[in-house]
Amino acid sequence: MKKLFLILVACFAFATAAFAGQVNLNTASESELDTLKGVGPVKAKAIMDYRAKNGPFKSVDDLEKVPGFGKKTVDKLRVDLTVNGAAAPSKAEGKAKPEAKKDAAPAKGEDKAAKKDYSKKAADKK
């Protein structure tokens, strides 16, 4: 009876992972990770071991730090993975462009008037 119950629980876990769409790297069990295409029992265990040793994943890109996972593998898995309940941004999506400082020096090639204005602001601050 216990074996039958365990089989039903395992089937439910696989079905849940298949229909859920995304697997959370920080909360998934080994069996849930094993359902991902390209991730077998060895890689699933490697993810679990990495998570136990290093703590939760901050982004899907952190998966590249796990032995057995390279950039190509992570890129293929990206659509099926998440961290913190939401799809993790890729490296390109996660970086916002820094805003220019108000008193920053004019960029190279800007006109002389802008440079004079910056010099005047710098002198006023002193």
Protein backbone atom coordinates (compact mmCIF):
# COMPACT_ATOMS: atom_id res chain seq x y z
CA MET A 1 0.00 0.00 0.00
CA LYS A 2 2.86 2.38 0.82
CA LYS A 3 4.46 1.69 -2.56
CA LEU A 4 1.24 2.49 -4.35
CA PHE A 5 0.90 5.73 -2.39
CA LEU A 6 4.51 6.72 -3.22
CA ILE A 7 3.93 5.98 -6.89
CA LEU A 8 0.82 8.17 -6.90
CA VAL A 9 2.69 11.00 -5.17
CA ALA A 10 5.54 10.75 -7.69
CA CYS A 11 3.10 10.78 -10.60
CA PHE A 12 1.34 13.80 -9.15
CA ALA A 13 4.68 15.61 -8.77
CA PHE A 14 5.59 14.91 -12.39
CA ALA A 15 2.16 15.95 -13.64
CA THR A 16 2.24 19.14 -11.59
CA ALA A 17 5.66 20.07 -12.97
CA ALA A 18 4.54 19.32 -16.53
CA PHE A 19 1.44 21.52 -16.30
CA ALA A 20 2.89 24.28 -14.13
CA GLY A 21 4.98 25.62 -17.00
CA GLN A 22 7.94 26.77 -14.95
CA VAL A 23 10.02 25.09 -12.30
CA ASN A 24 11.33 27.22 -9.45
CA LEU A 25 15.06 26.54 -9.00
CA ASN A 26 14.86 27.44 -5.32
CA THR A 27 11.92 25.25 -4.30
CA ALA A 28 11.84 22.35 -6.79
CA SER A 29 12.46 18.81 -5.63
CA GLU A 30 14.89 16.49 -7.38
CA SER A 31 12.00 14.75 -9.11
CA GLU A 32 10.61 18.08 -10.39
CA LEU A 33 14.02 19.11 -11.71
CA ASP A 34 14.38 15.70 -13.34
CA THR A 35 11.26 16.42 -15.46
CA LEU A 36 13.03 19.25 -17.29
CA LYS A 37 14.23 18.41 -20.79
CA GLY A 38 17.99 17.92 -20.68
CA VAL A 39 18.10 17.49 -16.90
CA GLY A 40 18.41 13.93 -15.65
CA PRO A 41 18.84 12.56 -12.14
CA VAL A 42 22.55 13.44 -12.00
CA LYS A 43 22.04 17.09 -12.98
CA ALA A 44 18.99 17.37 -10.72
CA LYS A 45 21.11 16.17 -7.80
CA ALA A 46 23.87 18.64 -8.78
CA ILE A 47 21.32 21.49 -8.60
CA MET A 48 20.12 20.32 -5.19
CA ASP A 49 23.70 20.00 -3.89
CA TYR A 50 24.64 23.46 -5.21
CA ARG A 51 21.54 24.99 -3.62
CA ALA A 52 22.29 23.31 -0.27
CA LYS A 53 25.89 24.54 -0.32
CA ASN A 54 25.43 28.06 -1.75
CA GLY A 55 21.88 29.04 -0.85
CA PRO A 56 19.08 30.08 -3.20
CA PHE A 57 19.62 31.05 -6.82
CA LYS A 58 19.41 34.80 -7.41
CA SER A 59 18.73 34.35 -11.12
CA VAL A 60 18.44 31.59 -13.68
CA ASP A 61 21.91 32.59 -14.90
CA ASP A 62 23.35 31.29 -11.61
CA LEU A 63 22.63 27.80 -12.94
CA GLU A 64 25.81 28.16 -15.03
CA LYS A 65 27.76 27.83 -11.76
CA VAL A 66 26.40 24.30 -11.24
CA PRO A 67 28.70 21.55 -12.56
CA GLY A 68 27.30 20.11 -15.79
CA PHE A 69 25.53 23.29 -16.91
CA GLY A 70 26.90 25.66 -19.52
CA LYS A 71 25.55 28.79 -21.12
CA LYS A 72 23.84 26.90 -23.97
CA THR A 73 22.08 24.51 -21.60
CA VAL A 74 20.91 27.35 -19.36
CA ASP A 75 19.63 29.30 -22.37
CA LYS A 76 17.60 26.26 -23.52
CA LEU A 77 16.13 25.79 -20.04
CA ARG A 78 15.47 29.48 -19.34
CA VAL A 79 11.82 29.45 -20.44
CA ASP A 80 11.09 26.51 -18.13
CA LEU A 81 12.81 27.95 -15.04
CA THR A 82 12.07 30.63 -12.51
CA VAL A 83 13.36 31.93 -9.19
CA ASN A 84 11.22 33.69 -6.54
CA GLY A 85 7.97 32.85 -8.31
CA ALA A 86 8.53 34.99 -11.38
CA ALA A 87 10.44 34.41 -14.56
CA ALA A 88 14.03 35.41 -14.01
CA PRO A 89 15.39 38.02 -16.40
CA SER A 90 18.32 37.11 -18.57
CA LYS A 91 21.60 38.93 -18.22
CA ALA A 92 20.62 41.41 -20.92
CA GLU A 93 17.12 42.00 -19.56
CA GLY A 94 18.17 42.31 -15.92
CA LYS A 95 20.53 45.22 -16.38
CA ALA A 96 19.05 48.68 -16.40
CA LYS A 97 20.96 51.50 -17.96
CA PRO A 98 22.30 53.85 -15.29
CA GLU A 99 20.83 57.31 -15.39
CA ALA A 100 23.15 60.18 -16.12
CA LYS A 101 24.13 62.28 -13.14
CA LYS A 102 22.93 65.85 -13.20
CA ASP A 103 26.37 67.29 -12.62
CA ALA A 104 28.29 64.76 -14.73
CA ALA A 105 30.86 66.02 -17.19
CA PRO A 106 29.69 66.26 -20.80
CA ALA A 107 30.45 63.21 -22.92
CA LYS A 108 33.39 63.22 -25.26
CA GLY A 109 32.52 65.10 -28.42
CA GLU A 110 29.86 67.37 -26.92
CA ASP A 111 29.99 71.06 -27.75
CA LYS A 112 32.17 73.55 -25.91
CA ALA A 113 29.17 75.37 -24.40
CA ALA A 114 28.21 72.24 -22.51
CA LYS A 115 31.78 71.91 -21.22
CA LYS A 116 31.79 75.54 -20.07
CA ASP A 117 28.46 75.02 -18.31
CA TYR A 118 29.87 71.98 -16.48
CA SER A 119 32.98 73.93 -15.49
CA LYS A 120 30.82 76.74 -14.12
CA LYS A 121 28.74 74.26 -12.04
CA ALA A 122 31.88 72.65 -10.67
CA ALA A 123 33.30 76.04 -9.74
CA ASP A 124 30.04 77.07 -8.03
CA LYS A 125 30.12 73.95 -5.85
CA LYS A 126 33.56 74.84 -4.47
